[in-house]
């Protein structure tokens, strides 16, 4: 059940993930194609170190923005559209429930 008085604490990770300009660019410039991308592709496209890309991808996954799947030693990330819709719908419900 959505509480109209405050955001659930688990949304803080979601807002933190979106609050970083580089992570916004990763979402819009890498994952907007609805494809799967590994860490090397993200690092190369964003012109950042693999370790930095890894940190950004981990936070985006914790926030529910990305999903991942492992194929042998490689991890592929993809935009979590269904999860994002749920999160955004819940935020919308919180913002409009007290009107």
PDB file of N, CA and C in Angstrom:
ATOM      1  N   UNK A   1       0.846  -1.188   0.000  1.00  0.00           N
ATOM      2  CA  UNK A   1       0.000   0.000   0.000  1.00  0.00           C
ATOM      3  C   UNK A   1       0.889   1.249   0.000  1.00  0.00           C
ATOM      4  N   UNK A   2       0.542   2.216  -0.781  1.00  0.00           N
ATOM      5  CA  UNK A   2       1.293   3.460  -0.889  1.00  0.00           C
ATOM      6  C   UNK A   2       0.926   4.384   0.265  1.00  0.00           C
ATOM      7  N   UNK A   3       1.939   4.914   0.927  1.00  0.00           N
ATOM      8  CA  UNK A   3       1.744   5.870   2.003  1.00  0.00           C
ATOM      9  C   UNK A   3       1.823   7.276   1.420  1.00  0.00           C
ATOM     10  N   UNK A   4       0.771   8.068   1.572  1.00  0.00           N
ATOM     11  CA  UNK A   4       0.732   9.408   0.985  1.00  0.00           C
ATOM     12  C   UNK A   4       1.635  10.400   1.708  1.00  0.00           C
ATOM     13  N   UNK A   5       2.080  10.091   2.890  1.00  0.00           N
ATOM     14  CA  UNK A   5       2.845  11.053   3.679  1.00  0.00           C
ATOM     15  C   UNK A   5       4.314  11.132   3.281  1.00  0.00           C
ATOM     16  N   UNK A   6       4.868  10.052   2.760  1.00  0.00           N
ATOM     17  CA  UNK A   6       6.288  10.079   2.413  1.00  0.00           C
ATOM     18  C   UNK A   6       6.619   8.994   1.400  1.00  0.00           C
ATOM     19  N   UNK A   7       7.761   9.163   0.739  1.00  0.00           N
ATOM     20  CA  UNK A   7       8.243   8.149  -0.188  1.00  0.00           C
ATOM     21  C   UNK A   7       8.832   6.997   0.605  1.00  0.00           C
ATOM     22  N   UNK A   8       8.610   5.781   0.145  1.00  0.00           N
ATOM     23  CA  UNK A   8       9.280   4.647   0.792  1.00  0.00           C
ATOM     24  C   UNK A   8      10.793   4.804   0.687  1.00  0.00           C
ATOM     25  N   UNK A   9      11.523   4.338   1.678  1.00  0.00           N
ATOM     26  CA  UNK A   9      12.973   4.514   1.688  1.00  0.00           C
ATOM     27  C   UNK A   9      13.659   3.804   0.530  1.00  0.00           C
ATOM     28  N   UNK A  10      13.038   2.745  -0.005  1.00  0.00           N
ATOM     29  CA  UNK A  10      13.676   2.034  -1.105  1.00  0.00           C
ATOM     30  C   UNK A  10      13.723   2.856  -2.388  1.00  0.00           C
ATOM     31  N   UNK A  11      12.968   3.916  -2.469  1.00  0.00           N
ATOM     32  CA  UNK A  11      13.039   4.790  -3.650  1.00  0.00           C
ATOM     33  C   UNK A  11      14.240   5.722  -3.596  1.00  0.00           C
ATOM     34  N   UNK A  12      14.892   5.826  -2.463  1.00  0.00           N
ATOM     35  CA  UNK A  12      16.062   6.693  -2.384  1.00  0.00           C
ATOM     36  C   UNK A  12      17.153   6.227  -3.339  1.00  0.00           C
ATOM     37  N   UNK A  13      17.303   4.918  -3.523  1.00  0.00           N
ATOM     38  CA  UNK A  13      18.298   4.390  -4.461  1.00  0.00           C
ATOM     39  C   UNK A  13      17.907   4.755  -5.892  1.00  0.00           C
ATOM     40  N   UNK A  14      16.621   4.689  -6.193  1.00  0.00           N
ATOM     41  CA  UNK A  14      16.126   5.062  -7.521  1.00  0.00           C
ATOM     42  C   UNK A  14      16.445   6.526  -7.820  1.00  0.00           C
ATOM     43  N   UNK A  15      16.126   7.408  -6.870  1.00  0.00           N
ATOM     44  CA  UNK A  15      16.387   8.835  -7.080  1.00  0.00           C
ATOM     45  C   UNK A  15      17.885   9.135  -7.123  1.00  0.00           C
ATOM     46  N   UNK A  16      18.659   8.422  -6.315  1.00  0.00           N
ATOM     47  CA  UNK A  16      20.112   8.606  -6.339  1.00  0.00           C
ATOM     48  C   UNK A  16      20.667   8.206  -7.701  1.00  0.00           C
ATOM     49  N   UNK A  17      20.178   7.110  -8.237  1.00  0.00           N
ATOM     50  CA  UNK A  17      20.648   6.639  -9.541  1.00  0.00           C
ATOM     51  C   UNK A  17      20.345   7.659 -10.631  1.00  0.00           C
ATOM     52  N   UNK A  18      19.167   8.236 -10.590  1.00  0.00           N
ATOM     53  CA  UNK A  18      18.782   9.226 -11.605  1.00  0.00           C
ATOM     54  C   UNK A  18      19.390  10.599 -11.345  1.00  0.00           C
ATOM     55  N   UNK A  19      19.907  10.811 -10.149  1.00  0.00           N
ATOM     56  CA  UNK A  19      20.461  12.114  -9.780  1.00  0.00           C
ATOM     57  C   UNK A  19      21.853  12.373 -10.313  1.00  0.00           C
ATOM     58  N   UNK A  20      22.458  11.373 -10.928  1.00  0.00           N
ATOM     59  CA  UNK A  20      23.813  11.505 -11.451  1.00  0.00           C
ATOM     60  C   UNK A  20      23.750  11.686 -12.968  1.00  0.00           C
ATOM     61  N   UNK A  21      24.368  12.740 -13.460  1.00  0.00           N
ATOM     62  CA  UNK A  21      24.308  13.051 -14.888  1.00  0.00           C
ATOM     63  C   UNK A  21      24.907  11.939 -15.750  1.00  0.00           C
ATOM     64  N   UNK A  22      25.986  11.330 -15.311  1.00  0.00           N
ATOM     65  CA  UNK A  22      26.616  10.261 -16.107  1.00  0.00           C
ATOM     66  C   UNK A  22      25.678   9.056 -16.213  1.00  0.00           C
ATOM     67  N   UNK A  23      24.980   8.715 -15.122  1.00  0.00           N
ATOM     68  CA  UNK A  23      24.038   7.596 -15.187  1.00  0.00           C
ATOM     69  C   UNK A  23      22.850   7.940 -16.075  1.00  0.00           C
ATOM     70  N   UNK A  24      22.420   9.187 -16.063  1.00  0.00           N
ATOM     71  CA  UNK A  24      21.358   9.612 -16.985  1.00  0.00           C
ATOM     72  C   UNK A  24      21.823   9.428 -18.424  1.00  0.00           C
ATOM     73  N   UNK A  25      23.067   9.809 -18.698  1.00  0.00           N
ATOM     74  CA  UNK A  25      23.614   9.652 -20.048  1.00  0.00           C
ATOM     75  C   UNK A  25      23.725   8.183 -20.439  1.00  0.00           C
ATOM     76  N   UNK A  26      24.100   7.340 -19.503  1.00  0.00           N
ATOM     77  CA  UNK A  26      24.187   5.902 -19.783  1.00  0.00           C
ATOM     78  C   UNK A  26      22.812   5.368 -20.185  1.00  0.00           C
ATOM     79  N   UNK A  27      21.785   5.744 -19.437  1.00  0.00           N
ATOM     80  CA  UNK A  27      20.429   5.294 -19.740  1.00  0.00           C
ATOM     81  C   UNK A  27      20.007   5.778 -21.127  1.00  0.00           C
ATOM     82  N   UNK A  28      20.219   7.069 -21.390  1.00  0.00           N
ATOM     83  CA  UNK A  28      19.735   7.665 -22.637  1.00  0.00           C
ATOM     84  C   UNK A  28      20.596   7.347 -23.851  1.00  0.00           C
ATOM     85  N   UNK A  29      21.911   7.219 -23.666  1.00  0.00           N
ATOM     86  CA  UNK A  29      22.812   7.027 -24.803  1.00  0.00           C
ATOM     87  C   UNK A  29      23.176   5.578 -25.073  1.00  0.00           C
ATOM     88  N   UNK A  30      23.055   4.726 -24.082  1.00  0.00           N
ATOM     89  CA  UNK A  30      23.440   3.329 -24.284  1.00  0.00           C
ATOM     90  C   UNK A  30      22.204   2.433 -24.330  1.00  0.00           C
ATOM     91  N   UNK A  31      21.310   2.575 -23.372  1.00  0.00           N
ATOM     92  CA  UNK A  31      20.203   1.630 -23.236  1.00  0.00           C
ATOM     93  C   UNK A  31      18.922   2.059 -23.923  1.00  0.00           C
ATOM     94  N   UNK A  32      18.886   3.231 -24.522  1.00  0.00           N
ATOM     95  CA  UNK A  32      17.692   3.692 -25.225  1.00  0.00           C
ATOM     96  C   UNK A  32      17.379   2.840 -26.447  1.00  0.00           C
ATOM     97  N   UNK A  33      18.352   2.064 -26.922  1.00  0.00           N
ATOM     98  CA  UNK A  33      18.124   1.205 -28.083  1.00  0.00           C
ATOM     99  C   UNK A  33      17.408  -0.092 -27.719  1.00  0.00           C
ATOM    100  N   UNK A  34      17.095  -0.259 -26.435  1.00  0.00           N
ATOM    101  CA  UNK A  34      16.406  -1.437 -25.910  1.00  0.00           C
ATOM    102  C   UNK A  34      17.233  -2.718 -26.069  1.00  0.00           C
ATOM    103  N   UNK A  35      18.529  -2.555 -26.282  1.00  0.00           N
ATOM    104  CA  UNK A  35      19.394  -3.712 -26.436  1.00  0.00           C
ATOM    105  C   UNK A  35      20.078  -4.097 -25.139  1.00  0.00           C
ATOM    106  N   UNK A  36      20.824  -5.191 -25.200  1.00  0.00           N
ATOM    107  CA  UNK A  36      21.631  -5.635 -24.080  1.00  0.00           C
ATOM    108  C   UNK A  36      23.065  -5.189 -24.320  1.00  0.00           C
ATOM    109  N   UNK A  37      23.713  -4.750 -23.247  1.00  0.00           N
ATOM    110  CA  UNK A  37      25.076  -4.252 -23.370  1.00  0.00           C
ATOM    111  C   UNK A  37      25.922  -4.759 -22.205  1.00  0.00           C
ATOM    112  N   UNK A  38      27.160  -5.109 -22.509  1.00  0.00           N
ATOM    113  CA  UNK A  38      28.072  -5.533 -21.461  1.00  0.00           C
ATOM    114  C   UNK A  38      28.890  -4.330 -20.982  1.00  0.00           C
ATOM    115  N   UNK A  39      29.663  -4.535 -19.965  1.00  0.00           N
ATOM    116  CA  UNK A  39      30.418  -3.450 -19.346  1.00  0.00           C
ATOM    117  C   UNK A  39      31.401  -2.802 -20.326  1.00  0.00           C
ATOM    118  N   UNK A  40      32.000  -3.617 -21.196  1.00  0.00           N
ATOM    119  CA  UNK A  40      32.951  -3.076 -22.168  1.00  0.00           C
ATOM    120  C   UNK A  40      32.274  -2.112 -23.132  1.00  0.00           C
ATOM    121  N   UNK A  41      31.080  -2.464 -23.588  1.00  0.00           N
ATOM    122  CA  UNK A  41      30.339  -1.589 -24.502  1.00  0.00           C
ATOM    123  C   UNK A  41      29.972  -0.272 -23.830  1.00  0.00           C
ATOM    124  N   UNK A  42      29.519  -0.367 -22.581  1.00  0.00           N
ATOM    125  CA  UNK A  42      29.138   0.843 -21.849  1.00  0.00           C
ATOM    126  C   UNK A  42      30.358   1.741 -21.639  1.00  0.00           C
ATOM    127  N   UNK A  43      31.460   1.155 -21.187  1.00  0.00           N
ATOM    128  CA  UNK A  43      32.678   1.934 -20.937  1.00  0.00           C
ATOM    129  C   UNK A  43      33.164   2.614 -22.210  1.00  0.00           C
ATOM    130  N   UNK A  44      33.172   1.879 -23.305  1.00  0.00           N
ATOM    131  CA  UNK A  44      33.650   2.432 -24.573  1.00  0.00           C
ATOM    132  C   UNK A  44      32.730   3.549 -25.078  1.00  0.00           C
ATOM    133  N   UNK A  45      31.431   3.298 -25.076  1.00  0.00           N
ATOM    134  CA  UNK A  45      30.478   4.291 -25.587  1.00  0.00           C
ATOM    135  C   UNK A  45      30.474   5.559 -24.746  1.00  0.00           C
ATOM    136  N   UNK A  46      30.670   5.416 -23.424  1.00  0.00           N
ATOM    137  CA  UNK A  46      30.627   6.570 -22.529  1.00  0.00           C
ATOM    138  C   UNK A  46      32.008   7.171 -22.292  1.00  0.00           C
ATOM    139  N   UNK A  47      33.038   6.523 -22.834  1.00  0.00           N
ATOM    140  CA  UNK A  47      34.412   6.996 -22.668  1.00  0.00           C
ATOM    141  C   UNK A  47      34.800   7.099 -21.185  1.00  0.00           C
ATOM    142  N   UNK A  48      34.525   6.008 -20.456  1.00  0.00           N
ATOM    143  CA  UNK A  48      34.859   5.927 -19.036  1.00  0.00           C
ATOM    144  C   UNK A  48      35.583   4.606 -18.787  1.00  0.00           C
ATOM    145  N   UNK A  49      36.256   4.517 -17.661  1.00  0.00           N
ATOM    146  CA  UNK A  49      36.949   3.287 -17.285  1.00  0.00           C
ATOM    147  C   UNK A  49      35.933   2.180 -16.993  1.00  0.00           C
ATOM    148  N   UNK A  50      36.363   0.935 -17.187  1.00  0.00           N
ATOM    149  CA  UNK A  50      35.482  -0.192 -16.894  1.00  0.00           C
ATOM    150  C   UNK A  50      35.052  -0.213 -15.432  1.00  0.00           C
ATOM    151  N   UNK A  51      35.960   0.149 -14.536  1.00  0.00           N
ATOM    152  CA  UNK A  51      35.609   0.159 -13.112  1.00  0.00           C
ATOM    153  C   UNK A  51      34.520   1.193 -12.826  1.00  0.00           C
ATOM    154  N   UNK A  52      34.592   2.335 -13.482  1.00  0.00           N
ATOM    155  CA  UNK A  52      33.571   3.378 -13.318  1.00  0.00           C
ATOM    156  C   UNK A  52      32.249   2.907 -13.906  1.00  0.00           C
ATOM    157  N   UNK A  53      32.300   2.305 -15.089  1.00  0.00           N
ATOM    158  CA  UNK A  53      31.089   1.769 -15.711  1.00  0.00           C
ATOM    159  C   UNK A  53      30.459   0.717 -14.812  1.00  0.00           C
ATOM    160  N   UNK A  54      31.274  -0.121 -14.212  1.00  0.00           N
ATOM    161  CA  UNK A  54      30.788  -1.162 -13.317  1.00  0.00           C
ATOM    162  C   UNK A  54      30.037  -0.576 -12.127  1.00  0.00           C
ATOM    163  N   UNK A  55      30.582   0.464 -11.533  1.00  0.00           N
ATOM    164  CA  UNK A  55      29.928   1.126 -10.402  1.00  0.00           C
ATOM    165  C   UNK A  55      28.575   1.704 -10.815  1.00  0.00           C
ATOM    166  N   UNK A  56      28.538   2.382 -11.958  1.00  0.00           N
ATOM    167  CA  UNK A  56      27.284   2.970 -12.437  1.00  0.00           C
ATOM    168  C   UNK A  56      26.247   1.885 -12.734  1.00  0.00           C
ATOM    169  N   UNK A  57      26.673   0.821 -13.406  1.00  0.00           N
ATOM    170  CA  UNK A  57      25.743  -0.257 -13.738  1.00  0.00           C
ATOM    171  C   UNK A  57      25.206  -0.943 -12.492  1.00  0.00           C
ATOM    172  N   UNK A  58      26.052  -1.124 -11.495  1.00  0.00           N
ATOM    173  CA  UNK A  58      25.611  -1.757 -10.250  1.00  0.00           C
ATOM    174  C   UNK A  58      24.532  -0.923  -9.561  1.00  0.00           C
ATOM    175  N   UNK A  59      24.719   0.387  -9.525  1.00  0.00           N
ATOM    176  CA  UNK A  59      23.721   1.246  -8.884  1.00  0.00           C
ATOM    177  C   UNK A  59      22.431   1.276  -9.696  1.00  0.00           C
ATOM    178  N   UNK A  60      22.543   1.325 -11.010  1.00  0.00           N
ATOM    179  CA  UNK A  60      21.340   1.310 -11.853  1.00  0.00           C
ATOM    180  C   UNK A  60      20.572  -0.001 -11.681  1.00  0.00           C
ATOM    181  N   UNK A  61      21.283  -1.088 -11.480  1.00  0.00           N
ATOM    182  CA  UNK A  61      20.624  -2.374 -11.244  1.00  0.00           C
ATOM    183  C   UNK A  61      19.957  -2.393  -9.867  1.00  0.00           C
ATOM    184  N   UNK A  62      20.667  -1.923  -8.824  1.00  0.00           N
ATOM    185  CA  UNK A  62      20.076  -1.860  -7.475  1.00  0.00           C
ATOM    186  C   UNK A  62      18.829  -0.994  -7.455  1.00  0.00           C
ATOM    187  N   UNK A  63      18.805   0.036  -8.293  1.00  0.00           N
ATOM    188  CA  UNK A  63      17.671   0.955  -8.344  1.00  0.00           C
ATOM    189  C   UNK A  63      16.493   0.385  -9.126  1.00  0.00           C
ATOM    190  N   UNK A  64      16.690  -0.752  -9.772  1.00  0.00           N
ATOM    191  CA  UNK A  64      15.615  -1.357 -10.546  1.00  0.00           C
ATOM    192  C   UNK A  64      15.517  -0.814 -11.961  1.00  0.00           C
ATOM    193  N   UNK A  65      16.486  -0.023 -12.382  1.00  0.00           N
ATOM    194  CA  UNK A  65      16.467   0.588 -13.710  1.00  0.00           C
ATOM    195  C   UNK A  65      16.993  -0.381 -14.759  1.00  0.00           C
ATOM    196  N   UNK A  66      17.936  -1.227 -14.381  1.00  0.00           N
ATOM    197  CA  UNK A  66      18.499  -2.226 -15.278  1.00  0.00           C
ATOM    198  C   UNK A  66      18.286  -3.619 -14.721  1.00  0.00           C
ATOM    199  N   UNK A  67      18.246  -4.587 -15.613  1.00  0.00           N
ATOM    200  CA  UNK A  67      18.305  -5.993 -15.239  1.00  0.00           C
ATOM    201  C   UNK A  67      19.584  -6.548 -15.861  1.00  0.00           C
ATOM    202  N   UNK A  68      19.986  -7.703 -15.424  1.00  0.00           N
ATOM    203  CA  UNK A  68      21.187  -8.293 -16.010  1.00  0.00           C
ATOM    204  C   UNK A  68      21.038  -9.803 -16.100  1.00  0.00           C
ATOM    205  N   UNK A  69      21.806 -10.354 -17.003  1.00  0.00           N
ATOM    206  CA  UNK A  69      21.874 -11.810 -17.122  1.00  0.00           C
ATOM    207  C   UNK A  69      23.314 -12.169 -17.438  1.00  0.00           C
ATOM    208  N   UNK A  70      23.722 -13.298 -16.909  1.00  0.00           N
ATOM    209  CA  UNK A  70      25.101 -13.740 -17.069  1.00  0.00           C
ATOM    210  C   UNK A  70      25.161 -14.864 -18.090  1.00  0.00           C
ATOM    211  N   UNK A  71      26.086 -14.730 -19.028  1.00  0.00           N
ATOM    212  CA  UNK A  71      26.360 -15.764 -20.013  1.00  0.00           C
ATOM    213  C   UNK A  71      27.828 -16.111 -19.849  1.00  0.00           C
ATOM    214  N   UNK A  72      28.077 -17.282 -19.267  1.00  0.00           N
ATOM    215  CA  UNK A  72      29.418 -17.713 -18.892  1.00  0.00           C
ATOM    216  C   UNK A  72      30.038 -16.653 -17.975  1.00  0.00           C
ATOM    217  N   UNK A  73      31.097 -15.967 -18.410  1.00  0.00           N
ATOM    218  CA  UNK A  73      31.739 -14.969 -17.543  1.00  0.00           C
ATOM    219  C   UNK A  73      31.296 -13.545 -17.842  1.00  0.00           C
ATOM    220  N   UNK A  74      30.428 -13.382 -18.833  1.00  0.00           N
ATOM    221  CA  UNK A  74      30.030 -12.050 -19.259  1.00  0.00           C
ATOM    222  C   UNK A  74      28.626 -11.717 -18.764  1.00  0.00           C
ATOM    223  N   UNK A  75      28.447 -10.467 -18.318  1.00  0.00           N
ATOM    224  CA  UNK A  75      27.156 -10.005 -17.832  1.00  0.00           C
ATOM    225  C   UNK A  75      26.598  -8.997 -18.829  1.00  0.00           C
ATOM    226  N   UNK A  76      25.353  -9.216 -19.220  1.00  0.00           N
ATOM    227  CA  UNK A  76      24.664  -8.318 -20.132  1.00  0.00           C
ATOM    228  C   UNK A  76      23.564  -7.584 -19.377  1.00  0.00           C
ATOM    229  N   UNK A  77      23.506  -6.284 -19.570  1.00  0.00           N
ATOM    230  CA  UNK A  77      22.536  -5.428 -18.890  1.00  0.00           C
ATOM    231  C   UNK A  77      21.513  -4.923 -19.899  1.00  0.00           C
ATOM    232  N   UNK A  78      20.291  -4.702 -19.406  1.00  0.00           N
ATOM    233  CA  UNK A  78      19.202  -4.227 -20.251  1.00  0.00           C
ATOM    234  C   UNK A  78      18.291  -3.330 -19.414  1.00  0.00           C
ATOM    235  N   UNK A  79      17.675  -2.363 -20.069  1.00  0.00           N
ATOM    236  CA  UNK A  79      16.723  -1.488 -19.399  1.00  0.00           C
ATOM    237  C   UNK A  79      15.551  -2.321 -18.891  1.00  0.00           C
ATOM    238  N   UNK A  80      15.170  -2.105 -17.652  1.00  0.00           N
ATOM    239  CA  UNK A  80      14.075  -2.838 -17.016  1.00  0.00           C
ATOM    240  C   UNK A  80      12.781  -2.041 -17.186  1.00  0.00           C
ATOM    241  N   UNK A  81      12.199  -2.096 -18.368  1.00  0.00           N
ATOM    242  CA  UNK A  81      11.018  -1.282 -18.666  1.00  0.00           C
ATOM    243  C   UNK A  81       9.848  -1.585 -17.736  1.00  0.00           C
ATOM    244  N   UNK A  82       9.559  -2.862 -17.507  1.00  0.00           N
ATOM    245  CA  UNK A  82       8.428  -3.218 -16.642  1.00  0.00           C
ATOM    246  C   UNK A  82       8.656  -2.722 -15.219  1.00  0.00           C
ATOM    247  N   UNK A  83       9.868  -2.895 -14.720  1.00  0.00           N
ATOM    248  CA  UNK A  83      10.180  -2.427 -13.374  1.00  0.00           C
ATOM    249  C   UNK A  83      10.097  -0.909 -13.271  1.00  0.00           C
ATOM    250  N   UNK A  84      10.566  -0.219 -14.298  1.00  0.00           N
ATOM    251  CA  UNK A  84      10.488   1.242 -14.309  1.00  0.00           C
ATOM    252  C   UNK A  84       9.047   1.728 -14.312  1.00  0.00           C
ATOM    253  N   UNK A  85       8.199   1.067 -15.068  1.00  0.00           N
ATOM    254  CA  UNK A  85       6.786   1.449 -15.109  1.00  0.00           C
ATOM    255  C   UNK A  85       6.156   1.306 -13.729  1.00  0.00           C
ATOM    256  N   UNK A  86       6.476   0.217 -13.027  1.00  0.00           N
ATOM    257  CA  UNK A  86       5.944   0.016 -11.670  1.00  0.00           C
ATOM    258  C   UNK A  86       6.422   1.125 -10.739  1.00  0.00           C
ATOM    259  N   UNK A  87       7.726   1.411 -10.773  1.00  0.00           N
ATOM    260  CA  UNK A  87       8.277   2.454  -9.899  1.00  0.00           C
ATOM    261  C   UNK A  87       7.642   3.803 -10.208  1.00  0.00           C
ATOM    262  N   UNK A  88       7.563   4.155 -11.479  1.00  0.00           N
ATOM    263  CA  UNK A  88       7.001   5.451 -11.876  1.00  0.00           C
ATOM    264  C   UNK A  88       5.521   5.527 -11.525  1.00  0.00           C
ATOM    265  N   UNK A  89       4.782   4.447 -11.723  1.00  0.00           N
ATOM    266  CA  UNK A  89       3.367   4.434 -11.334  1.00  0.00           C
ATOM    267  C   UNK A  89       3.200   4.613  -9.830  1.00  0.00           C
ATOM    268  N   UNK A  90       4.062   3.978  -9.040  1.00  0.00           N
ATOM    269  CA  UNK A  90       3.996   4.138  -7.582  1.00  0.00           C
ATOM    270  C   UNK A  90       4.312   5.579  -7.176  1.00  0.00           C
ATOM    271  N   UNK A  91       5.304   6.175  -7.812  1.00  0.00           N
ATOM    272  CA  UNK A  91       5.644   7.568  -7.512  1.00  0.00           C
ATOM    273  C   UNK A  91       4.479   8.473  -7.892  1.00  0.00           C
ATOM    274  N   UNK A  92       3.883   8.219  -9.052  1.00  0.00           N
ATOM    275  CA  UNK A  92       2.731   9.008  -9.468  1.00  0.00           C
ATOM    276  C   UNK A  92       1.594   8.880  -8.450  1.00  0.00           C
ATOM    277  N   UNK A  93       1.354   7.665  -7.952  1.00  0.00           N
ATOM    278  CA  UNK A  93       0.301   7.450  -6.961  1.00  0.00           C
ATOM    279  C   UNK A  93       0.577   8.224  -5.675  1.00  0.00           C
ATOM    280  N   UNK A  94       1.834   8.236  -5.262  1.00  0.00           N
ATOM    281  CA  UNK A  94       2.195   8.980  -4.055  1.00  0.00           C
ATOM    282  C   UNK A  94       1.968  10.476  -4.259  1.00  0.00           C
ATOM    283  N   UNK A  95       2.341  10.968  -5.420  1.00  0.00           N
ATOM    284  CA  UNK A  95       2.236  12.411  -5.678  1.00  0.00           C
ATOM    285  C   UNK A  95       0.789  12.862  -5.882  1.00  0.00           C
ATOM    286  N   UNK A  96      -0.085  11.969  -6.289  1.00  0.00           N
ATOM    287  CA  UNK A  96      -1.462  12.376  -6.579  1.00  0.00           C
ATOM    288  C   UNK A  96      -2.478  11.892  -5.562  1.00  0.00           C
ATOM    289  N   UNK A  97      -2.083  11.101  -4.594  1.00  0.00           N
ATOM    290  CA  UNK A  97      -3.060  10.482  -3.700  1.00  0.00           C
ATOM    291  C   UNK A  97      -3.730  11.477  -2.743  1.00  0.00           C
ATOM    292  N   UNK A  98      -3.100  12.584  -2.515  1.00  0.00           N
ATOM    293  CA  UNK A  98      -3.637  13.525  -1.521  1.00  0.00           C
ATOM    294  C   UNK A  98      -4.264  14.756  -2.162  1.00  0.00           C
ATOM    295  N   UNK A  99      -4.580  14.675  -3.427  1.00  0.00           N
ATOM    296  CA  UNK A  99      -5.172  15.838  -4.089  1.00  0.00           C
ATOM    297  C   UNK A  99      -6.609  16.014  -3.689  1.00  0.00           C
TER     298      UNK A  99
END
